[in-house]
């Protein structure tokens, strides 16, 4: 697995979230940064009519540009193959399980998993080990001048998200902000948000902030209250980008 979660330290309230640093071997990390896709391949949230100020390149929202880039980049092709592997998906779940966060599914060989799915479906129930899990990732870039993500809890299909910073030491001015905030709703009517309604920043208090820093992964579990956001960054006039690799592990029927 290209990510190392050996140093992962978790907090458990209001939802499981933690940080691992270093997240990748230094040489691989530098190669990934040097090969990060150019901004002209990205789509913007403005044109997609989504709340926030962000640029994205992913297999979900702009699949052709994403696929063409992955096929043209040896290092990102390697990362893509790793993220898509069972070793990566279940390695992340095992890292969480060893920290007292058991999400249910454990690894089964593909043929055995398919057999178990058919057997469970015939019984009218699906056990955690038979769940179909997949991972995907997106390249994300938020402009230092006003880039932000509104408070949200992530889509119901997601079970784990990892946010890997993509920046060289000294490349980012911490005064711009760019950290990931852990939010708590001011109004109890927002406390349950399984279906991922988007809120406003003013609807939330900030419980903690994970600063944007080199070679780290912020990992959290999707829950009904996994509220998080990136508040508007303050680099007025700056052309710098807050670049990340965002990996999602999702559950499918």
C-alpha atoms as a PDB file:
ATOM      1  CA  UNK A   1       0.000   0.000   0.000  1.00  0.00           C
ATOM      2  CA  UNK A   2       1.499   3.330  -1.043  1.00  0.00           C
ATOM      3  CA  UNK A   3       0.062   5.056   2.062  1.00  0.00           C
ATOM      4  CA  UNK A   4       1.461   4.307   5.490  1.00  0.00           C
ATOM      5  CA  UNK A   5      -1.060   4.441   8.328  1.00  0.00           C
ATOM      6  CA  UNK A   6       1.410   3.247  10.972  1.00  0.00           C
ATOM      7  CA  UNK A   7       1.446   6.706  12.576  1.00  0.00           C
ATOM      8  CA  UNK A   8      -2.340   7.161  12.410  1.00  0.00           C
ATOM      9  CA  UNK A   9      -3.689   8.840  15.535  1.00  0.00           C
ATOM     10  CA  UNK A  10      -7.458   8.979  15.948  1.00  0.00           C
ATOM     11  CA  UNK A  11      -9.964  11.002  17.884  1.00  0.00           C
ATOM     12  CA  UNK A  12     -13.339   9.351  18.414  1.00  0.00           C
ATOM     13  CA  UNK A  13     -15.796  12.191  19.029  1.00  0.00           C
ATOM     14  CA  UNK A  14     -17.971  13.514  17.537  1.00  0.00           C
ATOM     15  CA  UNK A  15     -16.975  11.007  14.821  1.00  0.00           C
ATOM     16  CA  UNK A  16     -13.805   8.994  14.133  1.00  0.00           C
ATOM     17  CA  UNK A  17     -11.161  11.209  12.525  1.00  0.00           C
ATOM     18  CA  UNK A  18      -7.396  11.168  12.639  1.00  0.00           C
ATOM     19  CA  UNK A  19      -4.137  12.057  10.969  1.00  0.00           C
ATOM     20  CA  UNK A  20      -1.129  10.090   9.702  1.00  0.00           C
ATOM     21  CA  UNK A  21       2.196  11.793   9.036  1.00  0.00           C
ATOM     22  CA  UNK A  22       4.288  10.942   7.123  1.00  0.00           C
ATOM     23  CA  UNK A  23       1.710   9.426   4.811  1.00  0.00           C
ATOM     24  CA  UNK A  24       3.963   8.364   1.930  1.00  0.00           C
ATOM     25  CA  UNK A  25       7.651   7.604   1.307  1.00  0.00           C
ATOM     26  CA  UNK A  26       9.394  10.919   0.590  1.00  0.00           C
ATOM     27  CA  UNK A  27      10.619   9.974  -2.885  1.00  0.00           C
ATOM     28  CA  UNK A  28       7.196   8.751  -4.036  1.00  0.00           C
ATOM     29  CA  UNK A  29       5.522  11.784  -2.499  1.00  0.00           C
ATOM     30  CA  UNK A  30       7.815  14.160  -4.411  1.00  0.00           C
ATOM     31  CA  UNK A  31       7.195  12.299  -7.660  1.00  0.00           C
ATOM     32  CA  UNK A  32       3.430  12.582  -7.146  1.00  0.00           C
ATOM     33  CA  UNK A  33       3.646  16.315  -6.506  1.00  0.00           C
ATOM     34  CA  UNK A  34       5.835  16.868  -9.583  1.00  0.00           C
ATOM     35  CA  UNK A  35       3.352  14.895 -11.716  1.00  0.00           C
ATOM     36  CA  UNK A  36       0.184  16.470 -10.264  1.00  0.00           C
ATOM     37  CA  UNK A  37      -2.212  17.203 -13.163  1.00  0.00           C
ATOM     38  CA  UNK A  38      -2.384  20.754 -14.585  1.00  0.00           C
ATOM     39  CA  UNK A  39      -5.341  22.898 -13.631  1.00  0.00           C
ATOM     40  CA  UNK A  40      -6.681  23.087 -17.196  1.00  0.00           C
ATOM     41  CA  UNK A  41      -7.785  19.432 -16.876  1.00  0.00           C
ATOM     42  CA  UNK A  42     -10.011  20.219 -13.884  1.00  0.00           C
ATOM     43  CA  UNK A  43     -13.687  21.181 -13.680  1.00  0.00           C
ATOM     44  CA  UNK A  44     -14.781  23.907 -11.275  1.00  0.00           C
ATOM     45  CA  UNK A  45     -17.588  23.778  -8.741  1.00  0.00           C
ATOM     46  CA  UNK A  46     -18.933  26.983 -10.299  1.00  0.00           C
ATOM     47  CA  UNK A  47     -19.626  25.309 -13.640  1.00  0.00           C
ATOM     48  CA  UNK A  48     -20.941  22.196 -11.868  1.00  0.00           C
ATOM     49  CA  UNK A  49     -23.334  24.365  -9.800  1.00  0.00           C
ATOM     50  CA  UNK A  50     -22.013  22.920  -6.535  1.00  0.00           C
ATOM     51  CA  UNK A  51     -21.575  24.918  -3.314  1.00  0.00           C
ATOM     52  CA  UNK A  52     -18.002  25.876  -2.524  1.00  0.00           C
ATOM     53  CA  UNK A  53     -15.014  27.096  -4.525  1.00  0.00           C
ATOM     54  CA  UNK A  54     -12.990  24.140  -5.761  1.00  0.00           C
ATOM     55  CA  UNK A  55     -11.490  22.491  -8.850  1.00  0.00           C
ATOM     56  CA  UNK A  56     -11.776  18.735  -9.307  1.00  0.00           C
ATOM     57  CA  UNK A  57     -10.504  16.008 -11.628  1.00  0.00           C
ATOM     58  CA  UNK A  58     -12.054  12.599 -10.955  1.00  0.00           C
ATOM     59  CA  UNK A  59     -13.312   9.407 -12.542  1.00  0.00           C
ATOM     60  CA  UNK A  60     -16.812  10.277 -11.351  1.00  0.00           C
ATOM     61  CA  UNK A  61     -17.307  13.828 -12.638  1.00  0.00           C
ATOM     62  CA  UNK A  62     -14.925  14.107 -15.605  1.00  0.00           C
ATOM     63  CA  UNK A  63     -14.006  10.497 -16.371  1.00  0.00           C
ATOM     64  CA  UNK A  64     -12.381  10.892 -19.800  1.00  0.00           C
ATOM     65  CA  UNK A  65      -9.918  13.591 -18.750  1.00  0.00           C
ATOM     66  CA  UNK A  66      -9.173  11.634 -15.584  1.00  0.00           C
ATOM     67  CA  UNK A  67      -8.633   8.351 -17.433  1.00  0.00           C
ATOM     68  CA  UNK A  68      -6.432   9.976 -20.108  1.00  0.00           C
ATOM     69  CA  UNK A  69      -4.264  11.582 -17.455  1.00  0.00           C
ATOM     70  CA  UNK A  70      -3.877   8.386 -15.401  1.00  0.00           C
ATOM     71  CA  UNK A  71      -2.899   6.433 -18.518  1.00  0.00           C
ATOM     72  CA  UNK A  72      -0.272   9.059 -19.402  1.00  0.00           C
ATOM     73  CA  UNK A  73       1.370   9.240 -15.955  1.00  0.00           C
ATOM     74  CA  UNK A  74       3.435   6.263 -14.737  1.00  0.00           C
ATOM     75  CA  UNK A  75       3.471   7.359 -11.097  1.00  0.00           C
ATOM     76  CA  UNK A  76      -0.257   8.125 -10.949  1.00  0.00           C
ATOM     77  CA  UNK A  77      -1.013   4.931 -12.841  1.00  0.00           C
ATOM     78  CA  UNK A  78       0.806   3.113 -10.022  1.00  0.00           C
ATOM     79  CA  UNK A  79      -1.232   4.974  -7.379  1.00  0.00           C
ATOM     80  CA  UNK A  80      -4.481   4.232  -9.249  1.00  0.00           C
ATOM     81  CA  UNK A  81      -3.761   0.497  -9.366  1.00  0.00           C
ATOM     82  CA  UNK A  82      -2.930   0.493  -5.661  1.00  0.00           C
ATOM     83  CA  UNK A  83      -6.091   2.371  -4.633  1.00  0.00           C
ATOM     84  CA  UNK A  84      -8.235  -0.051  -6.665  1.00  0.00           C
ATOM     85  CA  UNK A  85      -6.740  -3.112  -4.983  1.00  0.00           C
ATOM     86  CA  UNK A  86      -8.290  -5.166  -2.183  1.00  0.00           C
ATOM     87  CA  UNK A  87      -5.002  -4.777  -0.312  1.00  0.00           C
ATOM     88  CA  UNK A  88      -5.544  -1.030  -0.096  1.00  0.00           C
ATOM     89  CA  UNK A  89      -9.247  -1.127   0.819  1.00  0.00           C
ATOM     90  CA  UNK A  90      -8.907  -3.769   3.515  1.00  0.00           C
ATOM     91  CA  UNK A  91      -5.586  -2.364   4.695  1.00  0.00           C
ATOM     92  CA  UNK A  92      -7.364   0.891   5.595  1.00  0.00           C
ATOM     93  CA  UNK A  93     -10.180  -1.004   7.342  1.00  0.00           C
ATOM     94  CA  UNK A  94      -7.642  -3.113   9.243  1.00  0.00           C
ATOM     95  CA  UNK A  95      -5.798   0.037  10.367  1.00  0.00           C
ATOM     96  CA  UNK A  96      -9.067   1.386  11.755  1.00  0.00           C
ATOM     97  CA  UNK A  97      -9.994  -1.955  13.359  1.00  0.00           C
ATOM     98  CA  UNK A  98      -6.658  -2.013  15.192  1.00  0.00           C
ATOM     99  CA  UNK A  99      -7.658   1.368  16.649  1.00  0.00           C
ATOM    100  CA  UNK A 100     -11.010   0.086  17.972  1.00  0.00           C
ATOM    101  CA  UNK A 101     -13.054   1.230  14.959  1.00  0.00           C
ATOM    102  CA  UNK A 102     -14.580  -1.887  13.424  1.00  0.00           C
ATOM    103  CA  UNK A 103     -16.582  -1.072  10.287  1.00  0.00           C
ATOM    104  CA  UNK A 104     -17.549  -4.706   9.691  1.00  0.00           C
ATOM    105  CA  UNK A 105     -16.139  -5.981   6.393  1.00  0.00           C
ATOM    106  CA  UNK A 106     -13.060  -8.215   6.470  1.00  0.00           C
ATOM    107  CA  UNK A 107     -11.168  -9.531   3.476  1.00  0.00           C
ATOM    108  CA  UNK A 108     -12.463 -12.555   1.585  1.00  0.00           C
ATOM    109  CA  UNK A 109     -11.011 -13.861  -1.699  1.00  0.00           C
ATOM    110  CA  UNK A 110     -13.152 -12.548  -4.603  1.00  0.00           C
ATOM    111  CA  UNK A 111     -14.661 -15.925  -5.524  1.00  0.00           C
ATOM    112  CA  UNK A 112     -15.568 -16.668  -1.918  1.00  0.00           C
ATOM    113  CA  UNK A 113     -17.079 -13.177  -1.513  1.00  0.00           C
ATOM    114  CA  UNK A 114     -19.279 -13.664  -4.593  1.00  0.00           C
ATOM    115  CA  UNK A 115     -20.440 -17.054  -3.279  1.00  0.00           C
ATOM    116  CA  UNK A 116     -21.205 -15.525   0.114  1.00  0.00           C
ATOM    117  CA  UNK A 117     -23.171 -12.685  -1.515  1.00  0.00           C
ATOM    118  CA  UNK A 118     -25.382 -15.147  -3.425  1.00  0.00           C
ATOM    119  CA  UNK A 119     -25.865 -17.239  -0.297  1.00  0.00           C
ATOM    120  CA  UNK A 120     -26.753 -14.211   1.823  1.00  0.00           C
ATOM    121  CA  UNK A 121     -29.097 -12.754  -0.781  1.00  0.00           C
ATOM    122  CA  UNK A 122     -30.937 -16.074  -0.944  1.00  0.00           C
ATOM    123  CA  UNK A 123     -31.435 -15.787   2.803  1.00  0.00           C
ATOM    124  CA  UNK A 124     -32.637 -12.207   2.484  1.00  0.00           C
ATOM    125  CA  UNK A 125     -29.765 -10.592   4.328  1.00  0.00           C
ATOM    126  CA  UNK A 126     -26.253  -9.412   3.528  1.00  0.00           C
ATOM    127  CA  UNK A 127     -23.461  -9.915   6.051  1.00  0.00           C
ATOM    128  CA  UNK A 128     -20.644  -7.339   6.352  1.00  0.00           C
ATOM    129  CA  UNK A 129     -18.038  -9.690   4.845  1.00  0.00           C
ATOM    130  CA  UNK A 130     -20.122 -10.019   1.675  1.00  0.00           C
ATOM    131  CA  UNK A 131     -20.297  -6.257   1.149  1.00  0.00           C
ATOM    132  CA  UNK A 132     -18.931  -4.983  -2.144  1.00  0.00           C
ATOM    133  CA  UNK A 133     -16.349  -2.292  -1.442  1.00  0.00           C
ATOM    134  CA  UNK A 134     -14.612  -0.060  -3.955  1.00  0.00           C
ATOM    135  CA  UNK A 135     -12.166   2.814  -3.703  1.00  0.00           C
ATOM    136  CA  UNK A 136     -11.743   5.792  -5.994  1.00  0.00           C
ATOM    137  CA  UNK A 137      -9.912   9.076  -5.802  1.00  0.00           C
ATOM    138  CA  UNK A 138     -10.045  12.610  -7.071  1.00  0.00           C
ATOM    139  CA  UNK A 139      -7.482  15.323  -7.592  1.00  0.00           C
ATOM    140  CA  UNK A 140      -8.659  18.405  -5.760  1.00  0.00           C
ATOM    141  CA  UNK A 141      -7.424  22.003  -5.895  1.00  0.00           C
ATOM    142  CA  UNK A 142      -8.794  24.902  -3.862  1.00  0.00           C
ATOM    143  CA  UNK A 143      -7.530  28.408  -4.679  1.00  0.00           C
ATOM    144  CA  UNK A 144      -5.786  30.200  -1.818  1.00  0.00           C
ATOM    145  CA  UNK A 145      -7.869  33.232  -2.771  1.00  0.00           C
ATOM    146  CA  UNK A 146     -11.274  32.283  -1.355  1.00  0.00           C
ATOM    147  CA  UNK A 147     -11.299  28.529  -1.951  1.00  0.00           C
ATOM    148  CA  UNK A 148     -13.612  26.702   0.436  1.00  0.00           C
ATOM    149  CA  UNK A 149     -15.918  23.738   1.009  1.00  0.00           C
ATOM    150  CA  UNK A 150     -19.227  24.171   2.805  1.00  0.00           C
ATOM    151  CA  UNK A 151     -19.962  21.962   5.844  1.00  0.00           C
ATOM    152  CA  UNK A 152     -21.111  18.482   4.823  1.00  0.00           C
ATOM    153  CA  UNK A 153     -21.012  14.869   6.063  1.00  0.00           C
ATOM    154  CA  UNK A 154     -20.279  13.030   2.768  1.00  0.00           C
ATOM    155  CA  UNK A 155     -22.533  10.845   0.638  1.00  0.00           C
ATOM    156  CA  UNK A 156     -24.295   7.867   2.271  1.00  0.00           C
ATOM    157  CA  UNK A 157     -22.389   5.345   0.120  1.00  0.00           C
ATOM    158  CA  UNK A 158     -19.028   6.423   1.509  1.00  0.00           C
ATOM    159  CA  UNK A 159     -17.577   4.688   4.531  1.00  0.00           C
ATOM    160  CA  UNK A 160     -14.052   6.159   4.763  1.00  0.00           C
ATOM    161  CA  UNK A 161     -12.415   9.274   3.295  1.00  0.00           C
ATOM    162  CA  UNK A 162      -8.703  10.076   3.188  1.00  0.00           C
ATOM    163  CA  UNK A 163      -7.420  13.548   2.323  1.00  0.00           C
ATOM    164  CA  UNK A 164      -3.732  13.467   1.338  1.00  0.00           C
ATOM    165  CA  UNK A 165      -1.978  16.826   1.086  1.00  0.00           C
ATOM    166  CA  UNK A 166      -0.031  17.397  -2.134  1.00  0.00           C
ATOM    167  CA  UNK A 167       2.461  20.169  -1.424  1.00  0.00           C
ATOM    168  CA  UNK A 168       6.196  20.594  -1.021  1.00  0.00           C
ATOM    169  CA  UNK A 169       7.611  21.961   2.244  1.00  0.00           C
ATOM    170  CA  UNK A 170       7.485  25.763   2.162  1.00  0.00           C
ATOM    171  CA  UNK A 171       5.121  25.851  -0.801  1.00  0.00           C
ATOM    172  CA  UNK A 172       2.055  26.870   1.234  1.00  0.00           C
ATOM    173  CA  UNK A 173       1.641  29.913   3.483  1.00  0.00           C
ATOM    174  CA  UNK A 174      -0.126  28.723   6.676  1.00  0.00           C
ATOM    175  CA  UNK A 175      -1.585  32.229   7.038  1.00  0.00           C
ATOM    176  CA  UNK A 176      -3.904  31.386   4.117  1.00  0.00           C
ATOM    177  CA  UNK A 177      -5.672  28.707   6.187  1.00  0.00           C
ATOM    178  CA  UNK A 178      -6.671  25.596   4.255  1.00  0.00           C
ATOM    179  CA  UNK A 179      -7.167  23.293   7.237  1.00  0.00           C
ATOM    180  CA  UNK A 180      -9.988  20.770   7.521  1.00  0.00           C
ATOM    181  CA  UNK A 181     -12.418  21.800  10.256  1.00  0.00           C
ATOM    182  CA  UNK A 182     -14.348  19.335  12.408  1.00  0.00           C
ATOM    183  CA  UNK A 183     -17.795  20.909  12.791  1.00  0.00           C
ATOM    184  CA  UNK A 184     -20.634  20.624  15.299  1.00  0.00           C
ATOM    185  CA  UNK A 185     -24.062  22.059  14.376  1.00  0.00           C
ATOM    186  CA  UNK A 186     -25.350  24.969  16.429  1.00  0.00           C
ATOM    187  CA  UNK A 187     -28.924  23.781  15.858  1.00  0.00           C
ATOM    188  CA  UNK A 188     -29.845  20.212  16.901  1.00  0.00           C
ATOM    189  CA  UNK A 189     -31.981  19.862  13.768  1.00  0.00           C
ATOM    190  CA  UNK A 190     -28.697  19.475  11.844  1.00  0.00           C
ATOM    191  CA  UNK A 191     -27.362  16.813  14.217  1.00  0.00           C
ATOM    192  CA  UNK A 192     -28.555  13.903  12.048  1.00  0.00           C
ATOM    193  CA  UNK A 193     -27.323  14.270   8.481  1.00  0.00           C
ATOM    194  CA  UNK A 194     -26.962  10.791   6.990  1.00  0.00           C
ATOM    195  CA  UNK A 195     -28.110  11.974   3.552  1.00  0.00           C
ATOM    196  CA  UNK A 196     -25.535  14.775   3.344  1.00  0.00           C
ATOM    197  CA  UNK A 197     -27.505  18.008   3.335  1.00  0.00           C
ATOM    198  CA  UNK A 198     -25.136  20.947   2.833  1.00  0.00           C
ATOM    199  CA  UNK A 199     -25.024  23.581   5.552  1.00  0.00           C
ATOM    200  CA  UNK A 200     -23.559  27.071   5.824  1.00  0.00           C
ATOM    201  CA  UNK A 201     -20.426  27.902   7.766  1.00  0.00           C
ATOM    202  CA  UNK A 202     -22.476  30.095  10.085  1.00  0.00           C
ATOM    203  CA  UNK A 203     -24.585  27.044  11.018  1.00  0.00           C
ATOM    204  CA  UNK A 204     -21.567  25.361  12.613  1.00  0.00           C
ATOM    205  CA  UNK A 205     -19.135  25.632  15.489  1.00  0.00           C
ATOM    206  CA  UNK A 206     -15.537  24.488  14.964  1.00  0.00           C
ATOM    207  CA  UNK A 207     -14.451  21.751  17.345  1.00  0.00           C
ATOM    208  CA  UNK A 208     -10.984  21.127  15.886  1.00  0.00           C
ATOM    209  CA  UNK A 209      -8.873  21.919  12.826  1.00  0.00           C
ATOM    210  CA  UNK A 210      -6.435  19.660  10.971  1.00  0.00           C
ATOM    211  CA  UNK A 211      -3.965  22.049   9.373  1.00  0.00           C
ATOM    212  CA  UNK A 212      -2.957  21.666   5.738  1.00  0.00           C
ATOM    213  CA  UNK A 213       0.628  20.400   5.903  1.00  0.00           C
ATOM    214  CA  UNK A 214       3.019  18.383   3.711  1.00  0.00           C
ATOM    215  CA  UNK A 215       2.890  14.596   3.445  1.00  0.00           C
ATOM    216  CA  UNK A 216      -0.043  13.923   5.724  1.00  0.00           C
ATOM    217  CA  UNK A 217      -3.329  12.056   5.419  1.00  0.00           C
ATOM    218  CA  UNK A 218      -6.452  13.107   7.277  1.00  0.00           C
ATOM    219  CA  UNK A 219      -8.735  10.072   7.587  1.00  0.00           C
ATOM    220  CA  UNK A 220     -12.308  10.003   8.803  1.00  0.00           C
ATOM    221  CA  UNK A 221     -15.284   7.667   8.908  1.00  0.00           C
ATOM    222  CA  UNK A 222     -18.562   8.694   7.294  1.00  0.00           C
ATOM    223  CA  UNK A 223     -21.283   8.887   9.950  1.00  0.00           C
ATOM    224  CA  UNK A 224     -24.613  10.643  10.404  1.00  0.00           C
ATOM    225  CA  UNK A 225     -22.736  13.537  12.043  1.00  0.00           C
ATOM    226  CA  UNK A 226     -19.352  13.588  10.293  1.00  0.00           C
ATOM    227  CA  UNK A 227     -19.586  17.338   9.668  1.00  0.00           C
ATOM    228  CA  UNK A 228     -16.442  18.874   8.187  1.00  0.00           C
ATOM    229  CA  UNK A 229     -15.517  21.833   6.024  1.00  0.00           C
ATOM    230  CA  UNK A 230     -12.720  24.003   4.672  1.00  0.00           C
ATOM    231  CA  UNK A 231     -13.482  27.656   5.499  1.00  0.00           C
ATOM    232  CA  UNK A 232     -12.704  30.361   2.930  1.00  0.00           C
ATOM    233  CA  UNK A 233      -8.970  30.816   2.537  1.00  0.00           C
ATOM    234  CA  UNK A 234      -7.482  34.263   2.890  1.00  0.00           C
ATOM    235  CA  UNK A 235      -4.730  34.471   0.261  1.00  0.00           C
ATOM    236  CA  UNK A 236      -6.227  37.450  -1.538  1.00  0.00           C
ATOM    237  CA  UNK A 237      -4.560  37.836  -4.939  1.00  0.00           C
ATOM    238  CA  UNK A 238      -2.473  34.666  -4.478  1.00  0.00           C
ATOM    239  CA  UNK A 239      -2.369  32.087  -7.262  1.00  0.00           C
ATOM    240  CA  UNK A 240      -1.340  29.225  -4.958  1.00  0.00           C
ATOM    241  CA  UNK A 241      -3.521  26.115  -4.854  1.00  0.00           C
ATOM    242  CA  UNK A 242      -4.357  23.863  -1.919  1.00  0.00           C
ATOM    243  CA  UNK A 243      -3.801  20.560  -3.719  1.00  0.00           C
ATOM    244  CA  UNK A 244      -4.937  17.209  -2.360  1.00  0.00           C
ATOM    245  CA  UNK A 245      -5.551  13.611  -3.319  1.00  0.00           C
ATOM    246  CA  UNK A 246      -8.949  12.643  -1.895  1.00  0.00           C
ATOM    247  CA  UNK A 247      -9.629   8.899  -1.627  1.00  0.00           C
ATOM    248  CA  UNK A 248     -13.068   7.458  -0.918  1.00  0.00           C
ATOM    249  CA  UNK A 249     -13.888   3.897   0.097  1.00  0.00           C
ATOM    250  CA  UNK A 250     -17.519   3.166  -0.733  1.00  0.00           C
ATOM    251  CA  UNK A 251     -20.014   0.383  -0.193  1.00  0.00           C
ATOM    252  CA  UNK A 252     -22.177  -0.985  -3.020  1.00  0.00           C
ATOM    253  CA  UNK A 253     -25.021  -3.519  -3.039  1.00  0.00           C
END
